């Protein structure tokens, strides 16, 4: 069905679109390292240094208690590629929809997409939360405005009138003025421990490459996949 601005159907309009034509960074999936976290580190670094838009943005998918899948964009807050417990970290309230989902089912999926570099990383894993003292320390590093908003806002609940929003923000600001070290118990650093990581790279003039790593008892296994 067309709209008043363009007589073509959406199928026609979407079919006429093209992907970026810039060259992708050099990558040979057959020569990839045994450790996917090392490769993830390299790709994230390349995205940052290569000027990808919002290189730390990632899609987080969870499953609600009623079985409904949900997804949203969050920011990579920290990344631990080494040691025995690697993780991808994001921050949110435990009483947010994503927090409620993860309390019921700790399985989650992440997707990074850097379109300028024709790259994507898909991650599945189990989510845990950081120790309470680390959550509190992280909250205290936020700006005063961000802390007040986090305290005042009831994420995804119906928003009240503007004057009520102002009142809640003012109350939160007063609380922080009285107790500069205050940190709500709900503020949480969520850590996704990967069980599978898939790397995808497109290329305008070459075949796509897909490389899947799976966690195993003795490290990681990996294999190439059809595009």
N, C-alpha and C. Protein backbone atom coordinates (compact mmCIF):
# COMPACT_ATOMS: atom_id res chain seq x y z
N UNK A 1 0.84 -1.19 0.00
CA UNK A 1 0.00 0.00 0.00
C UNK A 1 0.88 1.24 0.00
N UNK A 2 0.62 2.18 -0.91
CA UNK A 2 1.40 3.40 -1.02
C UNK A 2 0.89 4.44 -0.02
N UNK A 3 1.65 5.52 0.14
CA UNK A 3 1.16 6.62 0.96
C UNK A 3 1.12 7.88 0.12
N UNK A 4 0.66 8.98 0.70
CA UNK A 4 0.43 10.20 -0.05
C UNK A 4 1.73 10.84 -0.53
N UNK A 5 2.87 10.45 0.06
CA UNK A 5 4.15 11.06 -0.29
C UNK A 5 4.87 10.31 -1.41
N UNK A 6 4.50 9.08 -1.65
CA UNK A 6 5.20 8.26 -2.65
C UNK A 6 4.20 7.25 -3.21
N UNK A 7 4.00 7.25 -4.52
CA UNK A 7 3.00 6.35 -5.11
C UNK A 7 3.42 4.88 -5.10
N UNK A 8 4.69 4.60 -4.87
CA UNK A 8 5.14 3.21 -4.87
C UNK A 8 4.68 2.49 -3.60
N UNK A 9 4.57 1.17 -3.69
CA UNK A 9 4.26 0.38 -2.51
C UNK A 9 5.49 0.34 -1.60
N UNK A 10 5.27 -0.03 -0.35
CA UNK A 10 6.40 -0.17 0.55
C UNK A 10 7.37 -1.24 0.05
N UNK A 11 6.86 -2.31 -0.53
CA UNK A 11 7.74 -3.35 -1.07
C UNK A 11 8.65 -2.77 -2.15
N UNK A 12 8.08 -1.95 -3.03
CA UNK A 12 8.88 -1.34 -4.10
C UNK A 12 9.90 -0.37 -3.53
N UNK A 13 9.47 0.43 -2.58
CA UNK A 13 10.39 1.42 -1.99
C UNK A 13 11.53 0.75 -1.24
N UNK A 14 11.19 -0.26 -0.45
CA UNK A 14 12.22 -0.96 0.32
C UNK A 14 13.15 -1.75 -0.59
N UNK A 15 12.60 -2.33 -1.66
CA UNK A 15 13.42 -3.10 -2.58
C UNK A 15 14.40 -2.25 -3.35
N UNK A 16 14.14 -0.94 -3.45
CA UNK A 16 15.03 -0.04 -4.18
C UNK A 16 16.18 0.47 -3.33
N UNK A 17 16.13 0.22 -2.03
CA UNK A 17 17.17 0.72 -1.15
C UNK A 17 18.45 -0.10 -1.30
N UNK A 18 19.56 0.51 -0.96
CA UNK A 18 20.85 -0.17 -1.05
C UNK A 18 21.57 -0.09 0.29
N UNK A 19 22.51 -0.98 0.48
CA UNK A 19 23.34 -0.98 1.67
C UNK A 19 24.58 -0.11 1.42
N UNK A 20 25.29 0.27 2.50
CA UNK A 20 26.51 1.05 2.31
C UNK A 20 27.49 0.33 1.37
N UNK A 21 28.20 1.08 0.59
CA UNK A 21 29.12 0.50 -0.39
C UNK A 21 30.58 0.63 0.02
N UNK A 22 30.84 1.18 1.20
CA UNK A 22 32.22 1.28 1.67
C UNK A 22 32.76 -0.11 1.97
N UNK A 23 34.06 -0.26 1.85
CA UNK A 23 34.69 -1.55 2.11
C UNK A 23 34.63 -1.89 3.60
N UNK A 24 34.42 -3.15 3.90
CA UNK A 24 34.45 -3.63 5.28
C UNK A 24 35.90 -3.79 5.72
N UNK A 25 36.15 -3.76 7.03
CA UNK A 25 37.51 -4.03 7.51
C UNK A 25 37.95 -5.43 7.08
N UNK A 26 39.22 -5.62 6.98
CA UNK A 26 39.75 -6.92 6.56
C UNK A 26 39.41 -7.98 7.59
N UNK A 27 38.94 -9.12 7.13
CA UNK A 27 38.59 -10.22 8.03
C UNK A 27 38.62 -11.54 7.28
N UNK A 28 39.30 -12.51 7.86
CA UNK A 28 39.36 -13.86 7.30
C UNK A 28 38.85 -14.81 8.37
N UNK A 29 37.61 -15.27 8.22
CA UNK A 29 37.00 -16.12 9.23
C UNK A 29 37.77 -17.42 9.43
N UNK A 30 38.46 -17.90 8.40
CA UNK A 30 39.19 -19.15 8.51
C UNK A 30 40.45 -19.00 9.37
N UNK A 31 40.87 -17.77 9.61
CA UNK A 31 42.06 -17.52 10.42
C UNK A 31 41.71 -16.87 11.76
N UNK A 32 40.47 -16.99 12.18
CA UNK A 32 40.01 -16.35 13.41
C UNK A 32 40.65 -17.00 14.63
N UNK A 33 40.77 -16.27 15.73
CA UNK A 33 41.38 -16.82 16.94
C UNK A 33 40.49 -17.87 17.60
N UNK A 34 41.08 -18.66 18.48
CA UNK A 34 40.32 -19.68 19.21
C UNK A 34 39.37 -19.06 20.23
N UNK A 35 39.70 -17.88 20.71
CA UNK A 35 38.92 -17.21 21.75
C UNK A 35 38.01 -16.15 21.13
N UNK A 36 36.69 -16.29 21.20
CA UNK A 36 35.81 -15.29 20.59
C UNK A 36 35.84 -13.95 21.30
N UNK A 37 36.22 -13.94 22.59
CA UNK A 37 36.28 -12.68 23.30
C UNK A 37 37.40 -11.80 22.77
N UNK A 38 38.50 -12.42 22.33
CA UNK A 38 39.57 -11.65 21.71
C UNK A 38 39.09 -11.03 20.41
N UNK A 39 38.32 -11.79 19.63
CA UNK A 39 37.79 -11.26 18.38
C UNK A 39 36.75 -10.18 18.64
N UNK A 40 35.91 -10.38 19.65
CA UNK A 40 34.93 -9.35 20.01
C UNK A 40 35.62 -8.06 20.43
N UNK A 41 36.70 -8.18 21.20
CA UNK A 41 37.46 -7.00 21.60
C UNK A 41 37.97 -6.25 20.38
N UNK A 42 38.50 -7.00 19.42
CA UNK A 42 39.03 -6.38 18.21
C UNK A 42 37.93 -5.68 17.42
N UNK A 43 36.77 -6.32 17.28
CA UNK A 43 35.69 -5.72 16.50
C UNK A 43 35.11 -4.49 17.20
N UNK A 44 34.96 -4.54 18.51
CA UNK A 44 34.44 -3.38 19.24
C UNK A 44 35.43 -2.22 19.14
N UNK A 45 36.71 -2.53 19.29
CA UNK A 45 37.74 -1.49 19.16
C UNK A 45 37.72 -0.88 17.76
N UNK A 46 37.59 -1.72 16.75
CA UNK A 46 37.54 -1.22 15.37
C UNK A 46 36.31 -0.36 15.14
N UNK A 47 35.18 -0.73 15.73
CA UNK A 47 33.97 0.07 15.59
C UNK A 47 34.15 1.44 16.22
N UNK A 48 34.78 1.49 17.39
CA UNK A 48 35.01 2.76 18.06
C UNK A 48 35.99 3.62 17.28
N UNK A 49 37.13 3.05 16.94
CA UNK A 49 38.18 3.81 16.27
C UNK A 49 37.82 4.12 14.82
N UNK A 50 36.94 3.31 14.22
CA UNK A 50 36.55 3.52 12.84
C UNK A 50 35.40 4.48 12.65
N UNK A 51 34.88 5.02 13.75
CA UNK A 51 33.84 6.04 13.65
C UNK A 51 32.44 5.51 13.43
N UNK A 52 32.17 4.26 13.81
CA UNK A 52 30.81 3.74 13.70
C UNK A 52 29.88 4.54 14.60
N UNK A 53 28.67 4.79 14.14
CA UNK A 53 27.71 5.55 14.93
C UNK A 53 27.30 4.74 16.16
N UNK A 54 27.39 5.38 17.34
CA UNK A 54 27.02 4.72 18.60
C UNK A 54 27.57 3.30 18.65
N UNK A 55 28.88 3.14 18.63
CA UNK A 55 29.46 1.79 18.56
C UNK A 55 29.15 0.93 19.78
N UNK A 56 28.74 1.56 20.88
CA UNK A 56 28.44 0.79 22.09
C UNK A 56 26.96 0.46 22.23
N UNK A 57 26.14 0.84 21.25
CA UNK A 57 24.72 0.51 21.30
C UNK A 57 24.50 -0.94 20.89
N UNK A 58 23.62 -1.61 21.61
CA UNK A 58 23.33 -3.02 21.31
C UNK A 58 21.87 -3.31 21.61
N UNK A 59 21.30 -4.21 20.85
CA UNK A 59 19.94 -4.66 21.11
C UNK A 59 19.97 -5.74 22.17
N UNK A 60 19.11 -5.60 23.16
CA UNK A 60 18.96 -6.60 24.22
C UNK A 60 17.60 -7.25 24.08
N UNK A 61 17.57 -8.56 23.93
CA UNK A 61 16.31 -9.30 23.84
C UNK A 61 16.14 -10.17 25.08
N UNK A 62 14.94 -10.11 25.66
CA UNK A 62 14.61 -10.91 26.83
C UNK A 62 13.24 -11.54 26.60
N UNK A 63 12.83 -12.38 27.54
CA UNK A 63 11.51 -13.01 27.46
C UNK A 63 10.75 -12.69 28.74
N UNK A 64 9.55 -12.13 28.59
CA UNK A 64 8.72 -11.77 29.73
C UNK A 64 8.16 -13.02 30.41
N UNK A 65 7.71 -12.88 31.66
CA UNK A 65 7.15 -14.03 32.36
C UNK A 65 6.00 -14.72 31.63
N UNK A 66 5.26 -13.97 30.79
CA UNK A 66 4.16 -14.58 30.04
C UNK A 66 4.62 -15.21 28.73
N UNK A 67 5.94 -15.22 28.49
CA UNK A 67 6.49 -15.82 27.28
C UNK A 67 6.64 -14.88 26.11
N UNK A 68 6.26 -13.62 26.28
CA UNK A 68 6.35 -12.64 25.20
C UNK A 68 7.80 -12.16 25.04
N UNK A 69 8.40 -12.32 23.86
CA UNK A 69 9.75 -11.79 23.66
C UNK A 69 9.71 -10.27 23.51
N UNK A 70 10.70 -9.61 24.05
CA UNK A 70 10.80 -8.16 23.94
C UNK A 70 12.24 -7.78 23.64
N UNK A 71 12.42 -6.64 23.00
CA UNK A 71 13.76 -6.18 22.66
C UNK A 71 13.81 -4.67 22.77
N UNK A 72 14.99 -4.16 23.08
CA UNK A 72 15.21 -2.72 23.18
C UNK A 72 16.70 -2.46 23.01
N UNK A 73 17.05 -1.21 22.78
CA UNK A 73 18.46 -0.83 22.63
C UNK A 73 18.99 -0.36 23.98
N UNK A 74 20.13 -0.89 24.37
CA UNK A 74 20.83 -0.45 25.58
C UNK A 74 22.27 -0.16 25.19
N UNK A 75 23.03 0.37 26.13
CA UNK A 75 24.43 0.69 25.87
C UNK A 75 25.35 -0.28 26.61
N UNK A 76 26.39 -0.68 25.93
CA UNK A 76 27.42 -1.51 26.57
C UNK A 76 28.11 -0.65 27.63
N UNK A 77 27.97 -1.06 28.87
CA UNK A 77 28.46 -0.27 30.00
C UNK A 77 29.89 -0.67 30.38
N UNK A 78 30.17 -1.95 30.21
CA UNK A 78 31.51 -2.47 30.48
C UNK A 78 31.65 -3.79 29.74
N UNK A 79 32.88 -4.22 29.56
CA UNK A 79 33.16 -5.45 28.82
C UNK A 79 34.37 -6.09 29.45
N UNK A 80 34.22 -7.33 29.89
CA UNK A 80 35.32 -8.08 30.47
C UNK A 80 35.60 -9.28 29.58
N UNK A 81 36.63 -9.18 28.73
CA UNK A 81 36.91 -10.27 27.80
C UNK A 81 37.81 -11.36 28.35
N UNK A 82 38.46 -11.10 29.48
CA UNK A 82 39.44 -12.06 29.98
C UNK A 82 38.96 -12.82 31.19
N UNK A 83 39.83 -13.67 31.70
CA UNK A 83 39.52 -14.43 32.91
C UNK A 83 38.56 -15.58 32.66
N UNK A 84 38.11 -16.15 33.78
CA UNK A 84 37.23 -17.31 33.70
C UNK A 84 35.76 -16.94 33.59
N UNK A 85 35.44 -15.66 33.75
CA UNK A 85 34.04 -15.24 33.73
C UNK A 85 33.86 -13.99 32.88
N UNK A 86 34.01 -14.10 31.56
CA UNK A 86 33.83 -12.92 30.70
C UNK A 86 32.37 -12.48 30.69
N UNK A 87 32.16 -11.20 30.41
CA UNK A 87 30.78 -10.71 30.36
C UNK A 87 30.69 -9.42 29.56
N UNK A 88 29.47 -9.16 29.09
CA UNK A 88 29.07 -7.89 28.49
C UNK A 88 28.09 -7.25 29.47
N UNK A 89 28.33 -6.01 29.84
CA UNK A 89 27.56 -5.40 30.93
C UNK A 89 26.72 -4.22 30.46
N UNK A 90 25.51 -4.12 30.99
CA UNK A 90 24.68 -2.93 30.81
C UNK A 90 24.05 -2.60 32.16
N UNK A 91 23.57 -1.38 32.31
CA UNK A 91 23.01 -0.91 33.57
C UNK A 91 21.54 -0.55 33.40
N UNK A 92 20.75 -0.87 34.41
CA UNK A 92 19.34 -0.52 34.40
C UNK A 92 18.77 -0.76 35.79
N UNK A 93 17.49 -0.47 35.96
CA UNK A 93 16.80 -0.74 37.21
C UNK A 93 16.31 -2.18 37.23
N UNK A 94 16.43 -2.81 38.38
CA UNK A 94 15.95 -4.18 38.52
C UNK A 94 14.44 -4.27 38.36
N UNK A 95 13.73 -3.17 38.66
CA UNK A 95 12.27 -3.19 38.53
C UNK A 95 11.79 -2.69 37.17
N UNK A 96 12.70 -2.49 36.22
CA UNK A 96 12.31 -2.16 34.85
C UNK A 96 11.78 -3.42 34.17
N UNK A 97 11.09 -3.28 33.03
CA UNK A 97 10.62 -4.49 32.34
C UNK A 97 11.74 -5.48 32.04
N UNK A 98 12.89 -4.99 31.61
CA UNK A 98 13.99 -5.91 31.31
C UNK A 98 14.47 -6.61 32.57
N UNK A 99 14.51 -5.86 33.69
CA UNK A 99 14.91 -6.46 34.95
C UNK A 99 13.94 -7.52 35.43
N UNK A 100 12.64 -7.24 35.27
CA UNK A 100 11.61 -8.22 35.64
C UNK A 100 11.73 -9.47 34.78
N UNK A 101 11.95 -9.25 33.47
CA UNK A 101 12.12 -10.39 32.57
C UNK A 101 13.28 -11.27 33.02
N UNK A 102 14.41 -10.63 33.31
CA UNK A 102 15.62 -11.39 33.63
C UNK A 102 15.54 -12.06 34.99
N UNK A 103 14.76 -11.48 35.91
CA UNK A 103 14.57 -12.14 37.20
C UNK A 103 13.80 -13.44 37.03
N UNK A 104 12.92 -13.48 36.03
CA UNK A 104 12.13 -14.68 35.77
C UNK A 104 12.87 -15.67 34.88
N UNK A 105 13.61 -15.16 33.90
CA UNK A 105 14.34 -16.01 32.95
C UNK A 105 15.66 -15.31 32.63
N UNK A 106 16.78 -15.79 33.15
CA UNK A 106 18.06 -15.09 32.98
C UNK A 106 18.69 -15.22 31.60
N UNK A 107 18.03 -15.89 30.68
CA UNK A 107 18.58 -16.00 29.33
C UNK A 107 18.33 -14.71 28.56
N UNK A 108 19.32 -14.29 27.79
CA UNK A 108 19.19 -13.06 27.01
C UNK A 108 20.02 -13.16 25.74
N UNK A 109 19.73 -12.27 24.82
CA UNK A 109 20.51 -12.16 23.58
C UNK A 109 20.88 -10.70 23.36
N UNK A 110 22.07 -10.49 22.82
CA UNK A 110 22.56 -9.16 22.47
C UNK A 110 22.91 -9.14 20.99
N UNK A 111 22.73 -7.99 20.36
CA UNK A 111 23.16 -7.82 18.97
C UNK A 111 23.83 -6.46 18.82
N UNK A 112 25.07 -6.46 18.37
CA UNK A 112 25.74 -5.25 17.92
C UNK A 112 25.63 -5.21 16.40
N UNK A 113 25.32 -4.04 15.85
CA UNK A 113 25.29 -3.89 14.39
C UNK A 113 26.01 -2.60 14.03
N UNK A 114 27.11 -2.73 13.33
CA UNK A 114 27.87 -1.57 12.86
C UNK A 114 27.74 -1.52 11.35
N UNK A 115 26.73 -0.83 10.89
CA UNK A 115 26.39 -0.87 9.47
C UNK A 115 27.48 -0.27 8.60
N UNK A 116 28.20 0.74 9.13
CA UNK A 116 29.25 1.36 8.34
C UNK A 116 30.37 0.38 8.02
N UNK A 117 30.52 -0.63 8.86
CA UNK A 117 31.59 -1.61 8.68
C UNK A 117 31.07 -2.98 8.26
N UNK A 118 29.77 -3.05 7.94
CA UNK A 118 29.17 -4.31 7.48
C UNK A 118 29.40 -5.43 8.48
N UNK A 119 29.28 -5.10 9.78
CA UNK A 119 29.57 -6.10 10.80
C UNK A 119 28.44 -6.23 11.81
N UNK A 120 28.32 -7.44 12.34
CA UNK A 120 27.34 -7.71 13.38
C UNK A 120 27.90 -8.79 14.31
N UNK A 121 27.64 -8.63 15.60
CA UNK A 121 27.94 -9.68 16.58
C UNK A 121 26.64 -10.04 17.29
N UNK A 122 26.33 -11.32 17.32
CA UNK A 122 25.19 -11.84 18.06
C UNK A 122 25.70 -12.65 19.25
N UNK A 123 25.13 -12.37 20.42
CA UNK A 123 25.57 -13.01 21.66
C UNK A 123 24.36 -13.58 22.37
N UNK A 124 24.44 -14.82 22.82
CA UNK A 124 23.43 -15.37 23.72
C UNK A 124 24.13 -15.82 24.98
N UNK A 125 23.42 -15.71 26.10
CA UNK A 125 24.05 -16.08 27.36
C UNK A 125 23.12 -15.95 28.54
N UNK A 126 23.69 -16.14 29.71
CA UNK A 126 22.96 -16.06 30.96
C UNK A 126 23.35 -14.78 31.69
N UNK A 127 22.36 -14.14 32.30
CA UNK A 127 22.57 -12.83 32.92
C UNK A 127 22.58 -12.96 34.43
N UNK A 128 23.53 -12.29 35.05
CA UNK A 128 23.59 -12.17 36.50
C UNK A 128 23.81 -10.70 36.83
N UNK A 129 23.71 -10.35 38.09
CA UNK A 129 23.92 -8.97 38.50
C UNK A 129 25.21 -8.84 39.29
N UNK A 130 25.79 -7.67 39.23
CA UNK A 130 27.02 -7.40 39.97
C UNK A 130 26.72 -7.32 41.46
N UNK A 131 27.74 -7.43 42.31
CA UNK A 131 27.52 -7.28 43.75
C UNK A 131 26.93 -5.91 44.09
N UNK A 132 26.18 -5.85 45.18
CA UNK A 132 25.45 -4.63 45.55
C UNK A 132 26.38 -3.43 45.68
N UNK A 133 27.57 -3.63 46.24
CA UNK A 133 28.47 -2.50 46.42
C UNK A 133 28.95 -1.93 45.09
N UNK A 134 29.11 -2.79 44.08
CA UNK A 134 29.50 -2.30 42.76
C UNK A 134 28.34 -1.57 42.08
N UNK A 135 27.13 -2.07 42.27
CA UNK A 135 25.97 -1.36 41.74
C UNK A 135 25.87 0.04 42.33
N UNK A 136 26.03 0.14 43.64
CA UNK A 136 25.93 1.44 44.31
C UNK A 136 27.05 2.37 43.85
N UNK A 137 28.27 1.85 43.75
CA UNK A 137 29.39 2.69 43.31
C UNK A 137 29.16 3.20 41.90
N UNK A 138 28.60 2.37 41.04
CA UNK A 138 28.31 2.80 39.67
C UNK A 138 27.27 3.91 39.66
N UNK A 139 26.21 3.76 40.45
CA UNK A 139 25.17 4.79 40.50
C UNK A 139 25.74 6.13 40.95
N UNK A 140 26.63 6.10 41.93
CA UNK A 140 27.18 7.34 42.47
C UNK A 140 28.04 8.08 41.45
N UNK A 141 28.48 7.40 40.40
CA UNK A 141 29.29 8.05 39.37
C UNK A 141 28.44 8.77 38.33
N UNK A 142 27.13 8.57 38.36
CA UNK A 142 26.26 9.25 37.40
C UNK A 142 26.20 10.73 37.70
N UNK A 143 25.81 11.52 36.71
CA UNK A 143 25.61 12.95 36.94
C UNK A 143 24.43 13.14 37.89
N UNK A 144 24.39 14.29 38.55
CA UNK A 144 23.29 14.57 39.48
C UNK A 144 21.95 14.49 38.77
N UNK A 145 21.90 15.01 37.57
CA UNK A 145 20.65 14.98 36.80
C UNK A 145 20.22 13.55 36.50
N UNK A 146 21.18 12.72 36.09
CA UNK A 146 20.85 11.33 35.77
C UNK A 146 20.42 10.57 37.02
N UNK A 147 21.07 10.83 38.14
CA UNK A 147 20.68 10.16 39.38
C UNK A 147 19.27 10.56 39.79
N UNK A 148 18.96 11.84 39.71
CA UNK A 148 17.62 12.30 40.08
C UNK A 148 16.56 11.67 39.18
N UNK A 149 16.84 11.61 37.89
CA UNK A 149 15.88 11.02 36.95
C UNK A 149 15.68 9.54 37.24
N UNK A 150 16.76 8.85 37.55
CA UNK A 150 16.67 7.42 37.83
C UNK A 150 15.83 7.16 39.08
N UNK A 151 15.99 8.01 40.09
CA UNK A 151 15.22 7.86 41.33
C UNK A 151 13.74 8.18 41.09
N UNK A 152 13.47 9.22 40.32
CA UNK A 152 12.10 9.71 40.16
C UNK A 152 11.28 8.88 39.18
N UNK A 153 11.91 8.40 38.13
CA UNK A 153 11.17 7.76 37.04
C UNK A 153 10.77 6.33 37.41
N UNK A 154 9.57 5.96 37.02
CA UNK A 154 9.11 4.57 37.13
C UNK A 154 9.07 4.02 35.70
N UNK A 155 10.16 3.42 35.29
CA UNK A 155 10.36 3.08 33.88
C UNK A 155 9.21 2.26 33.32
N UNK A 156 8.69 2.73 32.18
CA UNK A 156 7.62 2.09 31.40
C UNK A 156 6.24 2.20 32.04
N UNK A 157 6.12 2.86 33.21
CA UNK A 157 4.81 3.13 33.78
C UNK A 157 4.22 4.35 33.08
N UNK A 158 2.90 4.54 33.11
CA UNK A 158 2.31 5.74 32.51
C UNK A 158 2.92 7.01 33.10
N UNK A 159 3.26 7.96 32.25
CA UNK A 159 3.89 9.20 32.73
C UNK A 159 2.83 10.16 33.24
N UNK A 160 3.02 10.72 34.44
CA UNK A 160 2.05 11.67 34.99
C UNK A 160 2.17 13.03 34.32
N UNK A 161 1.30 13.98 34.67
CA UNK A 161 1.39 15.34 34.11
C UNK A 161 2.74 15.98 34.42
N UNK A 162 3.07 17.00 33.63
CA UNK A 162 4.39 17.62 33.73
C UNK A 162 4.67 18.16 35.12
N UNK A 163 3.67 18.76 35.77
CA UNK A 163 3.91 19.31 37.10
C UNK A 163 4.23 18.22 38.11
N UNK A 164 3.64 17.04 37.93
CA UNK A 164 3.94 15.91 38.81
C UNK A 164 5.35 15.39 38.54
N UNK A 165 5.76 15.36 37.28
CA UNK A 165 7.12 14.96 36.94
C UNK A 165 8.12 15.91 37.59
N UNK A 166 7.85 17.21 37.49
CA UNK A 166 8.74 18.20 38.10
C UNK A 166 8.83 18.00 39.61
N UNK A 167 7.70 17.70 40.23
CA UNK A 167 7.69 17.49 41.68
C UNK A 167 8.54 16.28 42.06
N UNK A 168 8.39 15.19 41.32
CA UNK A 168 9.16 13.98 41.61
C UNK A 168 10.66 14.21 41.41
N UNK A 169 11.01 14.93 40.36
CA UNK A 169 12.43 15.23 40.12
C UNK A 169 12.98 16.13 41.22
N UNK A 170 12.17 17.08 41.68
CA UNK A 170 12.60 17.98 42.75
C UNK A 170 12.81 17.20 44.04
N UNK A 171 11.90 16.28 44.34
CA UNK A 171 12.05 15.46 45.54
C UNK A 171 13.30 14.60 45.46
N UNK A 172 13.56 14.06 44.29
CA UNK A 172 14.77 13.25 44.13
C UNK A 172 16.02 14.09 44.31
N UNK A 173 16.00 15.33 43.78
CA UNK A 173 17.13 16.22 43.95
C UNK A 173 17.37 16.57 45.41
N UNK A 174 16.29 16.78 46.14
CA UNK A 174 16.42 17.07 47.57
C UNK A 174 16.99 15.88 48.33
N UNK A 175 16.55 14.68 47.97
CA UNK A 175 17.09 13.48 48.60
C UNK A 175 18.59 13.38 48.38
N UNK A 176 19.03 13.64 47.17
CA UNK A 176 20.46 13.55 46.87
C UNK A 176 21.25 14.64 47.57
N UNK A 177 20.64 15.81 47.76
CA UNK A 177 21.31 16.88 48.47
C UNK A 177 21.51 16.51 49.94
N UNK A 178 20.52 15.83 50.51
CA UNK A 178 20.62 15.41 51.91
C UNK A 178 21.56 14.22 52.08
N UNK A 179 21.51 13.32 51.10
CA UNK A 179 22.28 12.08 51.19
C UNK A 179 23.09 11.88 49.90
N UNK A 180 24.22 12.57 49.78
CA UNK A 180 25.01 12.51 48.54
C UNK A 180 25.44 11.09 48.15
N UNK A 181 25.55 10.19 49.11
CA UNK A 181 26.00 8.83 48.83
C UNK A 181 24.84 7.86 48.61
N UNK A 182 23.62 8.40 48.55
CA UNK A 182 22.46 7.53 48.37
C UNK A 182 22.53 6.81 47.03
N UNK A 183 22.13 5.55 47.04
CA UNK A 183 22.02 4.76 45.81
C UNK A 183 20.84 3.81 45.96
N UNK A 184 19.91 3.82 45.04
CA UNK A 184 18.74 2.93 45.15
C UNK A 184 19.15 1.47 44.98
N UNK A 185 18.51 0.60 45.74
CA UNK A 185 18.82 -0.82 45.65
C UNK A 185 18.49 -1.39 44.28
N UNK A 186 17.60 -0.73 43.56
CA UNK A 186 17.17 -1.26 42.26
C UNK A 186 18.20 -1.05 41.15
N UNK A 187 19.15 -0.11 41.34
CA UNK A 187 20.13 0.14 40.29
C UNK A 187 21.05 -1.08 40.17
N UNK A 188 21.14 -1.62 38.97
CA UNK A 188 21.81 -2.90 38.79
C UNK A 188 22.71 -2.91 37.57
N UNK A 189 23.88 -3.48 37.74
CA UNK A 189 24.76 -3.79 36.62
C UNK A 189 24.47 -5.22 36.21
N UNK A 190 23.88 -5.39 35.04
CA UNK A 190 23.55 -6.71 34.52
C UNK A 190 24.71 -7.20 33.64
N UNK A 191 25.12 -8.44 33.86
CA UNK A 191 26.26 -9.00 33.15
C UNK A 191 25.85 -10.24 32.37
N UNK A 192 26.03 -10.16 31.07
CA UNK A 192 25.68 -11.27 30.19
C UNK A 192 26.92 -12.14 29.99
N UNK A 193 26.89 -13.34 30.55
CA UNK A 193 27.99 -14.30 30.37
C UNK A 193 27.70 -15.09 29.10
N UNK A 194 28.51 -14.94 28.06
CA UNK A 194 28.18 -15.54 26.77
C UNK A 194 28.31 -17.06 26.76
N UNK A 195 27.33 -17.70 26.12
CA UNK A 195 27.40 -19.13 25.86
C UNK A 195 27.57 -19.40 24.36
N UNK A 196 27.25 -18.40 23.55
CA UNK A 196 27.47 -18.49 22.10
C UNK A 196 27.69 -17.08 21.56
N UNK A 197 28.61 -16.94 20.62
CA UNK A 197 28.90 -15.65 19.99
C UNK A 197 29.05 -15.89 18.49
N UNK A 198 28.28 -15.16 17.71
CA UNK A 198 28.35 -15.30 16.26
C UNK A 198 28.80 -13.98 15.63
N UNK A 199 29.79 -14.07 14.77
CA UNK A 199 30.31 -12.91 14.05
C UNK A 199 29.85 -12.98 12.60
N UNK A 200 29.34 -11.88 12.11
CA UNK A 200 28.90 -11.78 10.71
C UNK A 200 29.57 -10.58 10.08
N UNK A 201 30.10 -10.79 8.89
CA UNK A 201 30.65 -9.67 8.13
C UNK A 201 30.18 -9.75 6.69
N UNK A 202 29.59 -8.67 6.24
CA UNK A 202 29.22 -8.54 4.85
C UNK A 202 30.32 -7.83 4.09
N UNK A 203 30.16 -7.74 2.81
CA UNK A 203 31.13 -7.05 1.96
C UNK A 203 30.44 -6.77 0.64
N UNK A 204 30.46 -5.51 0.19
CA UNK A 204 29.72 -5.17 -1.04
C UNK A 204 30.06 -6.05 -2.24
N UNK A 205 31.30 -6.48 -2.35
CA UNK A 205 31.71 -7.21 -3.55
C UNK A 205 32.25 -8.61 -3.23
N UNK A 206 31.96 -9.12 -2.04
CA UNK A 206 32.47 -10.44 -1.65
C UNK A 206 31.39 -11.20 -0.88
N UNK A 207 31.52 -12.51 -0.77
CA UNK A 207 30.54 -13.28 -0.01
C UNK A 207 30.53 -12.87 1.47
N UNK A 208 29.39 -13.02 2.09
CA UNK A 208 29.29 -12.79 3.52
C UNK A 208 30.04 -13.88 4.27
N UNK A 209 30.46 -13.55 5.50
CA UNK A 209 31.15 -14.53 6.34
C UNK A 209 30.42 -14.62 7.68
N UNK A 210 30.18 -15.84 8.14
CA UNK A 210 29.57 -16.07 9.44
C UNK A 210 30.42 -17.07 10.22
N UNK A 211 30.71 -16.72 11.45
CA UNK A 211 31.56 -17.55 12.29
C UNK A 211 30.89 -17.69 13.65
N UNK A 212 30.57 -18.91 14.04
CA UNK A 212 29.85 -19.16 15.30
C UNK A 212 30.76 -19.87 16.30
N UNK A 213 30.84 -19.28 17.49
CA UNK A 213 31.55 -19.90 18.61
C UNK A 213 30.52 -20.38 19.63
N UNK A 214 30.77 -21.56 20.21
CA UNK A 214 29.93 -22.08 21.28
C UNK A 214 30.81 -22.45 22.48
N UNK A 215 30.30 -22.11 23.66
CA UNK A 215 31.03 -22.45 24.87
C UNK A 215 31.05 -23.96 25.06
N UNK A 216 32.20 -24.48 25.46
CA UNK A 216 32.36 -25.91 25.68
C UNK A 216 33.12 -26.13 26.99
N UNK A 217 33.18 -27.37 27.43
CA UNK A 217 33.82 -27.68 28.70
C UNK A 217 35.28 -27.25 28.72
N UNK A 218 35.94 -27.36 27.59
CA UNK A 218 37.37 -27.05 27.53
C UNK A 218 37.64 -25.76 26.76
N UNK A 219 36.73 -24.82 26.82
CA UNK A 219 36.94 -23.55 26.11
C UNK A 219 35.81 -23.25 25.15
N UNK A 220 36.18 -23.10 23.87
CA UNK A 220 35.20 -22.75 22.85
C UNK A 220 35.39 -23.61 21.61
N UNK A 221 34.30 -23.96 20.98
CA UNK A 221 34.35 -24.55 19.65
C UNK A 221 33.90 -23.49 18.65
N UNK A 222 34.31 -23.63 17.40
CA UNK A 222 33.83 -22.66 16.41
C UNK A 222 33.71 -23.33 15.04
N UNK A 223 32.83 -22.77 14.23
CA UNK A 223 32.60 -23.31 12.89
C UNK A 223 32.07 -22.20 12.00
N UNK A 224 32.34 -22.34 10.71
CA UNK A 224 31.79 -21.42 9.72
C UNK A 224 30.37 -21.84 9.39
N UNK A 225 29.52 -20.85 9.12
CA UNK A 225 28.13 -21.10 8.76
C UNK A 225 27.85 -20.55 7.37
N UNK A 226 26.89 -21.16 6.68
CA UNK A 226 26.42 -20.56 5.45
C UNK A 226 25.83 -19.18 5.76
N UNK A 227 26.02 -18.21 4.85
CA UNK A 227 25.42 -16.88 5.07
C UNK A 227 23.90 -16.98 5.18
